Amino acid sequence: MLVSLTVGKVDAGVTVLLTPDKRLIEFPSILLPPDISSGSIVDVTVARNVSSEDEAERAFRALQDKIFNALGAAEPQAPNLRCRNATQTSVVLEWDPIDLATADLISLALYRNGQKAGNIPKPTAMHSTKISGLAVDTEYTFHLVLRTTAGTLASEKVVVRTHKMTDLSGITITTGILPPAVRESLARSVDRIGAKLVDTVRIDTTHFVTTEGRGVQWEKANELNIPVVRPEWVEACERNGRILGVTKFYLDAARVGMGPSAADMGGSPPMQHNRSVSAAFSQHKELPPQPSPPAPEQKQTSPPPTNGVRSPDVNKPTPPPPAEPEPVPEEVPEQKQEEELQPVAPEPSVEATTTEVQQEDDTGSEKGGDESDVASEPEDKVQQDDQQKVLAHEKEEQGLAVRPASAVEDAEESKEDEKEDDDKDDSLNLKGGKSPDGASFQDVAL
């Protein structure tokens, strides 16, 4: 096909060509003759190259096949899960290395009894895991779920049953530093109970047996939290025909006597001993507490006042009480105590009368006011006597000594007689007449 075009503007890179119907076409300048200029007419022939097209198609198909064979032929494979070891309370699972092909890994999860137990850390490097804390003689189902960019794949389900207490085939022992004789005896015991003996600490190692806490294998066992026990534990398991606890057989556990207790050996005497100890302890708890001997009390030596009269020998020292225990004083009926402690209202003293007379002269009050003041004074005395009576009653309750009532009554009678005489003399002096010069006794006293 021949096409005639008119050259319009010529540039270094692109030339503008005009079609007969006045259309503009940008054409590379390098493909035109070098001597053209604006206004020149060029003929362009256009034809299809079929052979070149076929060659390009074949090259493209070959490249697609190469890419598919290199990247798309292999697919990720499902994990292959299996049980490596099982004990009474744990299961060790392992699987082949994960084949991801050309896909990228998203996660690898472990499922137990249809429920997700957790993700496997570093699934491309780790190919085993240990599940602990299982129930004894119980069946479990495990499977893995692999998620990749090419899809999700699940492994076959693995059914595992934990062992009974009498099944010792799941025990895997790694030995540490042992004397030659002990090592040979341990190997024979392990073979008899059906356990396994390995040289290095692995994920399925259940116990590390040694007599010395040192070495590379001992450190690795501690890192993996594997129980480190003495050889006596294997002998005790063989003797009892069942797996035993390792608490009393730890390497760093304190030994009682020459070896482990009989309870760890499976015998019955320790149970009887524990029962006897618990029974003795319960009997000791049931016994009533023994009272401690009372400390000697320091009794007061001064007797309390009785009936408002203080004994004249209050301040005198009292000789120490005898060593023999004093007899308990008999209880006196309350009515009798009240009769003995009945207060006697004393007569107003001379000083009180003189004070009242002075107050009468100063205030200029009448005789009726003096009588009310004199009447209020005995009431105060009665209140004081009541207080003394209460104090005396409290001291009697505390077991204090009280003076005999006869001596106190004699002293009271004598004092009352003296007070009556004094009161009579004072009343005569107060009621006396006037002096010869006409002044009263009150004025003289003032």
Protein backbone atom coordinates (compact mmCIF):
# COMPACT_ATOMS: atom_id res chain seq x y z
CA MET A 1 0.00 0.00 0.00
CA LEU A 2 1.54 3.32 -1.18
CA VAL A 3 0.73 6.56 0.64
CA SER A 4 1.95 10.05 -0.43
CA LEU A 5 2.55 12.52 2.35
CA THR A 6 3.64 16.19 2.35
CA VAL A 7 6.40 17.22 4.71
CA GLY A 8 5.35 20.08 6.98
CA LYS A 9 7.73 20.98 9.76
CA VAL A 10 11.01 19.16 10.21
CA ASP A 11 12.62 18.82 13.63
CA ALA A 12 15.54 16.82 14.85
CA GLY A 13 13.41 14.05 16.29
CA VAL A 14 9.94 14.28 14.80
CA THR A 15 8.68 15.44 11.37
CA VAL A 16 5.10 16.55 10.76
CA LEU A 17 3.54 14.97 7.65
CA LEU A 18 0.26 16.07 6.04
CA THR A 19 -2.17 13.66 4.38
CA PRO A 20 -4.22 14.63 1.32
CA ASP A 21 -7.24 15.15 3.56
CA LYS A 22 -5.21 17.59 5.69
CA ARG A 23 -4.50 15.27 8.64
CA LEU A 24 -1.30 15.59 10.66
CA ILE A 25 0.97 12.62 11.26
CA GLU A 26 4.06 12.74 13.47
CA PHE A 27 6.75 10.57 11.93
CA PRO A 28 10.29 9.88 13.18
CA SER A 29 12.77 12.03 11.32
CA ILE A 30 15.40 9.29 11.36
CA LEU A 31 13.23 7.14 9.05
CA LEU A 32 12.91 9.84 6.36
CA PRO A 33 15.55 10.69 3.72
CA PRO A 34 18.14 13.14 5.02
CA ASP A 35 17.67 15.75 2.26
CA ILE A 36 13.98 16.49 2.81
CA SER A 37 12.64 19.87 3.88
CA SER A 38 9.30 21.57 4.36
CA GLY A 39 7.08 21.07 1.29
CA SER A 40 8.73 17.82 0.17
CA ILE A 41 6.48 14.89 -0.79
CA VAL A 42 7.45 11.41 0.36
CA ASP A 43 5.89 8.05 -0.54
CA VAL A 44 5.47 5.52 2.28
CA THR A 45 4.72 1.87 1.56
CA VAL A 46 2.84 -0.07 4.32
CA ALA A 47 2.69 -3.95 4.39
CA ARG A 48 2.12 -6.75 7.09
CA ASN A 49 5.04 -9.06 8.00
CA VAL A 50 3.37 -12.41 8.79
CA SER A 51 6.51 -14.38 9.18
CA SER A 52 7.78 -12.00 11.85
CA GLU A 53 4.52 -12.27 13.69
CA ASP A 54 4.75 -16.07 13.83
CA GLU A 55 8.27 -15.92 15.13
CA ALA A 56 7.33 -13.54 17.94
CA GLU A 57 4.38 -15.71 18.92
CA ARG A 58 6.57 -18.77 19.25
CA ALA A 59 9.06 -16.91 21.43
CA PHE A 60 6.33 -15.65 23.72
CA ARG A 61 4.83 -19.12 24.24
CA ALA A 62 8.19 -20.55 25.12
CA LEU A 63 8.69 -17.90 27.77
CA GLN A 64 5.30 -18.63 29.35
CA ASP A 65 6.04 -22.34 29.54
CA LYS A 66 9.37 -21.65 31.17
CA ILE A 67 7.77 -19.47 33.87
CA PHE A 68 5.03 -21.99 34.58
CA ASN A 69 7.45 -24.89 34.87
CA ALA A 70 9.70 -22.95 37.21
CA LEU A 71 7.08 -21.42 39.49
CA GLY A 72 3.71 -23.03 38.98
CA ALA A 73 4.34 -26.75 38.63
CA ALA A 74 4.91 -27.52 42.40
CA GLU A 75 2.24 -26.92 45.05
CA PRO A 76 2.47 -26.73 48.88
CA GLN A 77 2.09 -30.08 50.60
CA ALA A 78 -0.04 -30.81 53.68
CA PRO A 79 1.92 -31.48 56.90
CA ASN A 80 2.60 -35.09 57.81
CA LEU A 81 1.92 -35.32 61.61
CA ARG A 82 2.78 -38.33 63.78
CA CYS A 83 3.25 -39.21 67.47
CA ARG A 84 6.83 -39.56 68.64
CA ASN A 85 6.30 -40.46 72.31
CA ALA A 86 3.52 -40.53 74.91
CA THR A 87 3.60 -40.70 78.69
CA GLN A 88 1.02 -40.54 81.44
CA THR A 89 0.57 -36.76 81.16
CA SER A 90 2.37 -35.62 77.99
CA VAL A 91 2.59 -36.28 74.24
CA VAL A 92 5.45 -35.46 71.84
CA LEU A 93 4.35 -34.83 68.24
CA GLU A 94 6.62 -34.44 65.20
CA TRP A 95 6.16 -33.76 61.48
CA ASP A 96 8.21 -33.63 58.29
CA PRO A 97 9.70 -30.34 57.12
CA ILE A 98 7.04 -28.15 55.54
CA ASP A 99 7.01 -28.10 51.72
CA LEU A 100 5.78 -24.67 50.65
CA ALA A 101 6.88 -24.90 47.01
CA THR A 102 6.64 -21.37 45.60
CA ALA A 103 4.07 -20.15 48.15
CA ASP A 104 4.74 -18.01 51.19
CA LEU A 105 4.02 -19.23 54.72
CA ILE A 106 1.35 -17.50 56.79
CA SER A 107 1.01 -19.72 59.89
CA LEU A 108 1.10 -23.28 61.20
CA ALA A 109 -1.37 -24.10 63.99
CA LEU A 110 -1.91 -27.18 66.17
CA TYR A 111 -5.44 -28.33 66.99
CA ARG A 112 -6.39 -30.63 69.88
CA ASN A 113 -9.78 -32.33 69.85
CA GLY A 114 -10.97 -29.94 67.15
CA GLN A 115 -9.99 -26.79 69.04
CA LYS A 116 -6.97 -24.61 68.34
CA ALA A 117 -4.22 -25.19 70.89
CA GLY A 118 -1.85 -22.54 69.53
CA ASN A 119 0.51 -21.56 66.72
CA ILE A 120 3.84 -23.31 66.21
CA PRO A 121 6.71 -20.80 66.62
CA LYS A 122 9.24 -20.84 63.78
CA PRO A 123 7.48 -23.57 61.79
CA THR A 124 10.19 -23.73 59.13
CA ALA A 125 12.83 -24.56 61.76
CA MET A 126 10.83 -26.53 64.36
CA HIS A 127 9.53 -29.95 63.43
CA SER A 128 8.26 -31.20 66.83
CA THR A 129 6.37 -30.05 69.89
CA LYS A 130 5.51 -31.35 73.36
CA ILE A 131 2.06 -31.06 74.92
CA SER A 132 2.00 -31.44 78.71
CA GLY A 133 -0.67 -31.36 81.39
CA LEU A 134 -2.81 -34.14 79.88
CA ALA A 135 -5.01 -36.53 81.82
CA VAL A 136 -3.88 -40.08 82.57
CA ASP A 137 -5.23 -42.84 80.32
CA THR A 138 -7.18 -40.43 78.09
CA GLU A 139 -7.57 -40.32 74.31
CA TYR A 140 -6.73 -37.15 72.35
CA THR A 141 -6.91 -36.15 68.67
CA PHE A 142 -4.33 -33.81 67.10
CA HIS A 143 -3.87 -32.29 63.63
CA LEU A 144 -1.99 -29.40 61.99
CA VAL A 145 -3.39 -26.63 59.79
CA LEU A 146 -0.98 -24.93 57.31
CA ARG A 147 -1.93 -21.55 55.84
CA THR A 148 0.02 -20.27 52.80
CA THR A 149 -0.45 -17.74 50.02
CA ALA A 150 -1.38 -20.67 47.77
CA GLY A 151 -4.14 -21.90 50.10
CA THR A 152 -4.87 -23.68 53.40
CA LEU A 153 -3.88 -27.30 53.97
CA ALA A 154 -4.61 -29.62 56.93
CA SER A 155 -2.81 -32.76 58.06
CA GLU A 156 -4.31 -36.10 58.87
CA LYS A 157 -5.72 -36.48 62.40
CA VAL A 158 -3.57 -38.40 64.85
CA VAL A 159 -5.24 -40.21 67.76
CA VAL A 160 -3.06 -40.63 70.86
CA ARG A 161 -3.93 -42.20 74.21
CA THR A 162 -1.91 -41.35 77.31
CA HIS A 163 -0.45 -44.22 79.31
CA LYS A 164 -1.67 -45.76 82.53
CA MET A 165 0.30 -45.40 85.74
CA THR A 166 1.57 -48.98 85.40
CA ASP A 167 2.79 -48.45 81.81
CA LEU A 168 6.45 -47.37 81.95
CA SER A 169 7.18 -47.68 78.23
CA GLY A 170 6.90 -43.93 77.71
CA ILE A 171 9.78 -43.09 80.05
CA THR A 172 12.85 -41.80 78.16
CA ILE A 173 15.96 -41.38 80.29
CA THR A 174 19.16 -39.48 79.57
CA THR A 175 22.04 -40.20 81.91
CA GLY A 176 24.53 -37.71 83.27
CA ILE A 177 27.60 -38.32 85.43
CA LEU A 178 27.25 -41.76 87.04
CA PRO A 179 29.69 -44.29 88.48
CA PRO A 180 30.23 -47.26 86.13
CA ALA A 181 28.51 -49.74 88.45
CA VAL A 182 25.49 -47.45 88.89
CA ARG A 183 25.26 -46.89 85.13
CA GLU A 184 25.21 -50.63 84.41
CA SER A 185 22.58 -51.25 87.09
CA LEU A 186 20.49 -48.39 85.71
CA ALA A 187 20.66 -49.79 82.16
CA ARG A 188 19.41 -53.16 83.37
CA SER A 189 16.54 -51.57 85.32
CA VAL A 190 15.51 -49.46 82.32
CA ASP A 191 15.48 -52.51 80.09
CA ARG A 192 13.35 -54.48 82.57
CA ILE A 193 10.65 -51.80 82.93
CA GLY A 194 10.44 -51.25 79.15
CA ALA A 195 11.71 -47.65 79.16
CA LYS A 196 14.17 -46.07 76.72
CA LEU A 197 17.70 -44.87 77.35
CA VAL A 198 19.17 -42.15 75.09
CA ASP A 199 22.58 -40.51 75.03
CA THR A 200 21.60 -36.86 74.63
CA VAL A 201 18.84 -34.65 75.97
CA ARG A 202 15.99 -34.44 73.45
CA ILE A 203 12.49 -33.07 73.37
CA ASP A 204 11.10 -36.48 74.30
CA THR A 205 13.44 -36.95 77.28
CA THR A 206 11.26 -37.34 80.36
CA HIS A 207 13.93 -37.69 83.09
CA PHE A 208 17.60 -36.89 83.50
CA VAL A 209 19.34 -39.31 85.89
CA THR A 210 22.65 -38.31 87.47
CA THR A 211 24.51 -38.16 90.75
CA GLU A 212 26.33 -34.87 90.13
CA GLY A 213 24.84 -31.57 89.03
CA ARG A 214 27.28 -30.55 86.31
CA GLY A 215 27.97 -31.07 82.65
CA VAL A 216 26.57 -29.88 79.31
CA GLN A 217 23.70 -32.37 79.29
CA TRP A 218 22.73 -31.36 82.85
CA GLU A 219 22.59 -27.69 81.81
CA LYS A 220 20.46 -28.52 78.77
CA ALA A 221 18.06 -30.56 80.93
CA ASN A 222 17.62 -27.59 83.24
CA GLU A 223 16.94 -25.31 80.26
CA LEU A 224 14.20 -27.67 79.04
CA ASN A 225 12.73 -28.07 82.57
CA ILE A 226 13.39 -31.81 82.55
CA PRO A 227 13.32 -33.41 86.06
CA VAL A 228 16.83 -34.20 87.30
CA VAL A 229 16.59 -37.23 89.61
CA ARG A 230 18.83 -39.76 91.29
CA PRO A 231 19.13 -43.42 90.14
CA GLU A 232 17.01 -44.49 93.12
CA TRP A 233 13.91 -43.22 91.30
CA VAL A 234 14.22 -45.87 88.56
CA GLU A 235 14.72 -48.58 91.18
CA ALA A 236 11.64 -47.41 93.09
CA CYS A 237 9.51 -47.45 89.91
CA GLU A 238 10.69 -50.97 89.11
CA ARG A 239 10.04 -52.15 92.64
CA ASN A 240 6.48 -50.75 92.70
CA GLY A 241 5.62 -51.57 89.10
CA ARG A 242 4.28 -48.08 88.46
CA ILE A 243 5.56 -44.55 87.87
CA LEU A 244 6.24 -42.57 91.05
CA GLY A 245 6.55 -38.89 91.84
CA VAL A 246 9.98 -37.32 91.63
CA THR A 247 9.69 -34.84 94.51
CA LYS A 248 11.72 -36.89 96.97
CA PHE A 249 14.19 -38.06 94.29
CA TYR A 250 15.39 -34.69 93.00
CA LEU A 251 19.14 -34.36 92.87
CA ASP A 252 19.12 -31.31 95.13
CA ALA A 253 16.47 -32.74 97.52
CA ALA A 254 17.53 -33.30 101.14
CA ARG A 255 17.99 -36.99 101.89
CA VAL A 256 16.46 -38.33 105.08
CA GLY A 257 18.57 -41.15 106.49
CA MET A 258 20.38 -43.22 103.85
CA GLY A 259 17.84 -43.00 101.04
CA PRO A 260 14.35 -42.05 99.99
CA SER A 261 11.43 -42.51 102.31
CA ALA A 262 9.35 -45.66 102.27
CA ALA A 263 6.39 -43.67 101.00
CA ASP A 264 8.28 -42.96 97.75
CA MET A 265 9.19 -46.65 97.56
CA GLY A 266 5.49 -47.49 97.56
CA GLY A 267 5.37 -49.15 100.98
CA SER A 268 2.60 -48.77 103.53
CA PRO A 269 4.56 -47.98 106.75
CA PRO A 270 4.90 -44.26 105.93
CA MET A 271 1.13 -43.98 105.58
CA GLN A 272 0.69 -45.54 109.01
CA HIS A 273 3.34 -43.23 110.42
CA ASN A 274 1.62 -40.20 108.93
CA ARG A 275 -1.71 -41.33 110.34
CA SER A 276 -0.23 -41.81 113.82
CA VAL A 277 1.41 -38.40 113.68
CA SER A 278 -1.85 -36.78 112.56
CA ALA A 279 -3.79 -38.62 115.30
CA ALA A 280 -1.33 -37.47 117.96
CA PHE A 281 -1.56 -33.95 116.66
CA SER A 282 -5.37 -34.04 116.77
CA GLN A 283 -5.28 -35.38 120.35
CA HIS A 284 -2.91 -32.60 121.30
CA LYS A 285 -5.29 -30.06 119.81
CA GLU A 286 -8.27 -31.54 121.69
CA LEU A 287 -6.56 -31.24 125.11
CA PRO A 288 -7.61 -28.14 127.05
CA PRO A 289 -4.90 -25.53 127.57
CA GLN A 290 -3.07 -25.84 130.90
CA PRO A 291 -3.47 -22.67 132.98
CA SER A 292 -0.25 -21.01 133.99
CA PRO A 293 0.34 -20.39 137.74
CA PRO A 294 -0.91 -16.92 138.70
CA ALA A 295 1.68 -14.35 139.61
CA PRO A 296 1.59 -13.07 143.21
CA GLU A 297 -0.49 -9.93 143.41
CA GLN A 298 0.66 -6.84 145.27
CA LYS A 299 -2.15 -6.02 147.66
CA GLN A 300 -2.70 -2.58 149.01
CA THR A 301 -1.77 -2.18 152.65
CA SER A 302 -3.91 0.85 153.49
CA PRO A 303 -7.51 -0.03 154.45
CA PRO A 304 -10.27 1.97 152.74
CA PRO A 305 -12.33 4.49 154.74
CA THR A 306 -15.59 3.23 156.13
CA ASN A 307 -18.71 5.29 156.94
CA GLY A 308 -16.95 8.51 155.96
CA VAL A 309 -14.30 8.14 158.77
CA ARG A 310 -10.64 7.70 157.86
CA SER A 311 -8.60 5.46 160.12
CA PRO A 312 -5.86 7.29 162.00
CA ASP A 313 -3.18 4.78 160.97
CA VAL A 314 -3.69 5.00 157.21
CA ASN A 315 -0.18 6.16 156.42
CA LYS A 316 1.49 3.62 158.69
CA PRO A 317 3.35 0.84 156.85
CA THR A 318 1.71 -2.56 156.98
CA PRO A 319 3.81 -5.67 157.54
CA PRO A 320 4.14 -7.98 154.51
CA PRO A 321 1.43 -10.65 154.16
CA PRO A 322 2.25 -14.17 155.28
CA ALA A 323 3.44 -16.73 152.78
CA GLU A 324 0.39 -18.92 153.26
CA PRO A 325 -2.53 -18.14 150.91
CA GLU A 326 -5.17 -16.02 152.56
CA PRO A 327 -8.58 -17.54 152.91
CA VAL A 328 -11.21 -16.28 150.55
CA PRO A 329 -13.43 -13.79 152.43
CA GLU A 330 -16.98 -14.87 152.83
CA GLU A 331 -19.51 -13.03 150.80
CA VAL A 332 -21.51 -10.61 152.84
CA PRO A 333 -25.07 -10.02 151.75
CA GLU A 334 -25.58 -6.74 150.00
CA GLN A 335 -28.19 -5.60 152.49
CA LYS A 336 -25.78 -6.11 155.40
CA GLN A 337 -23.00 -4.24 153.61
CA GLU A 338 -25.33 -1.34 152.96
CA GLU A 339 -26.28 -1.23 156.65
CA GLU A 340 -22.60 -1.15 157.72
CA LEU A 341 -21.76 1.46 155.13
CA GLN A 342 -24.76 3.72 155.94
CA PRO A 343 -23.27 7.23 156.21
CA VAL A 344 -23.88 9.36 159.31
CA ALA A 345 -24.44 13.02 158.61
CA PRO A 346 -21.95 14.98 160.75
CA GLU A 347 -22.87 18.13 162.63
CA PRO A 348 -21.73 21.39 161.10
CA SER A 349 -18.32 22.38 162.43
CA VAL A 350 -17.33 25.64 164.15
CA GLU A 351 -15.41 26.77 161.09
CA ALA A 352 -18.47 26.35 158.87
CA THR A 353 -20.60 28.35 161.38
CA THR A 354 -18.02 31.15 161.57
CA THR A 355 -17.88 31.32 157.79
CA GLU A 356 -21.62 31.58 157.59
CA VAL A 357 -21.65 34.42 160.16
CA GLN A 358 -18.99 36.30 158.21
CA GLN A 359 -20.97 35.90 154.98
CA GLU A 360 -24.10 37.22 156.84
CA ASP A 361 -22.27 40.37 158.02
CA ASP A 362 -20.74 41.04 154.56
CA THR A 363 -23.92 40.60 152.55
CA GLY A 364 -26.39 41.85 155.13
CA SER A 365 -28.73 38.93 154.51
CA GLU A 366 -31.37 37.80 156.98
CA LYS A 367 -31.36 34.78 159.23
CA GLY A 368 -33.42 32.69 156.80
CA GLY A 369 -30.56 32.76 154.22
CA ASP A 370 -28.08 31.53 156.87
CA GLU A 371 -30.25 28.56 157.63
CA SER A 372 -30.40 27.56 153.94
CA ASP A 373 -26.58 27.75 153.68
CA VAL A 374 -26.18 25.67 156.81
CA ALA A 375 -28.63 23.11 155.41
CA SER A 376 -26.75 22.82 152.09
CA GLU A 377 -23.46 22.05 153.87
CA PRO A 378 -24.57 18.67 155.25
CA GLU A 379 -25.81 17.69 151.76
CA ASP A 380 -22.32 18.15 150.37
CA LYS A 381 -20.97 16.06 153.21
CA VAL A 382 -23.49 13.36 152.43
CA GLN A 383 -22.41 13.30 148.76
CA GLN A 384 -18.76 12.97 149.78
CA ASP A 385 -19.68 10.17 152.16
CA ASP A 386 -21.56 8.41 149.35
CA GLN A 387 -18.51 8.63 147.12
CA GLN A 388 -16.30 7.25 149.86
CA LYS A 389 -18.80 4.47 150.40
CA VAL A 390 -18.63 3.50 146.69
CA LEU A 391 -14.84 3.51 146.79
CA ALA A 392 -14.86 1.38 149.90
CA HIS A 393 -17.28 -1.07 148.31
CA GLU A 394 -15.05 -1.39 145.21
CA LYS A 395 -11.99 -2.06 147.33
CA GLU A 396 -13.87 -4.70 149.31
CA GLU A 397 -14.70 -6.44 146.04
CA GLN A 398 -11.02 -6.47 145.15
CA GLY A 399 -10.27 -8.37 148.35
CA LEU A 400 -8.64 -5.54 150.30
CA ALA A 401 -8.41 -5.68 154.07
CA VAL A 402 -10.96 -3.60 156.05
CA ARG A 403 -10.64 -2.55 159.64
CA PRO A 404 -12.95 -4.22 162.15
CA ALA A 405 -16.30 -2.50 162.50
CA SER A 406 -16.13 -2.35 166.29
CA ALA A 407 -13.00 -0.17 166.39
CA VAL A 408 -14.37 2.09 163.71
CA GLU A 409 -17.71 2.50 165.56
CA ASP A 410 -15.90 3.36 168.85
CA ALA A 411 -13.81 5.98 167.06
CA GLU A 412 -16.92 7.42 165.45
CA GLU A 413 -18.80 7.66 168.75
CA SER A 414 -15.91 9.41 170.45
CA LYS A 415 -15.55 11.89 167.60
CA GLU A 416 -19.30 12.56 167.53
CA ASP A 417 -19.27 13.34 171.24
CA GLU A 418 -16.40 15.77 170.79
CA LYS A 419 -18.18 17.46 167.90
CA GLU A 420 -21.41 17.86 169.89
CA ASP A 421 -19.51 19.53 172.75
CA ASP A 422 -17.75 21.87 170.39
CA ASP A 423 -20.99 22.75 168.63
CA LYS A 424 -22.68 23.60 171.93
CA ASP A 425 -19.86 25.91 172.93
CA ASP A 426 -19.85 27.63 169.56
CA SER A 427 -23.60 28.15 169.63
CA LEU A 428 -23.40 29.72 173.05
CA ASN A 429 -20.64 32.05 171.90
CA LEU A 430 -22.52 33.02 168.76
CA LYS A 431 -25.83 33.62 170.53
CA GLY A 432 -24.29 35.50 173.43
CA GLY A 433 -25.34 39.07 174.28
CA LYS A 434 -23.42 42.18 173.96
CA SER A 435 -20.23 43.21 175.71
CA PRO A 436 -20.25 45.74 178.62
CA ASP A 437 -19.34 48.52 176.16
CA GLY A 438 -22.33 47.67 173.94
CA ALA A 439 -20.43 45.78 171.13
CA SER A 440 -21.49 42.31 170.09
CA PHE A 441 -19.23 39.27 169.94
CA GLN A 442 -19.54 39.29 166.20
CA ASP A 443 -18.13 42.83 166.03
CA VAL A 444 -15.30 41.88 168.35
CA ALA A 445 -14.50 38.87 166.21
CA LEU A 446 -14.51 40.99 163.11
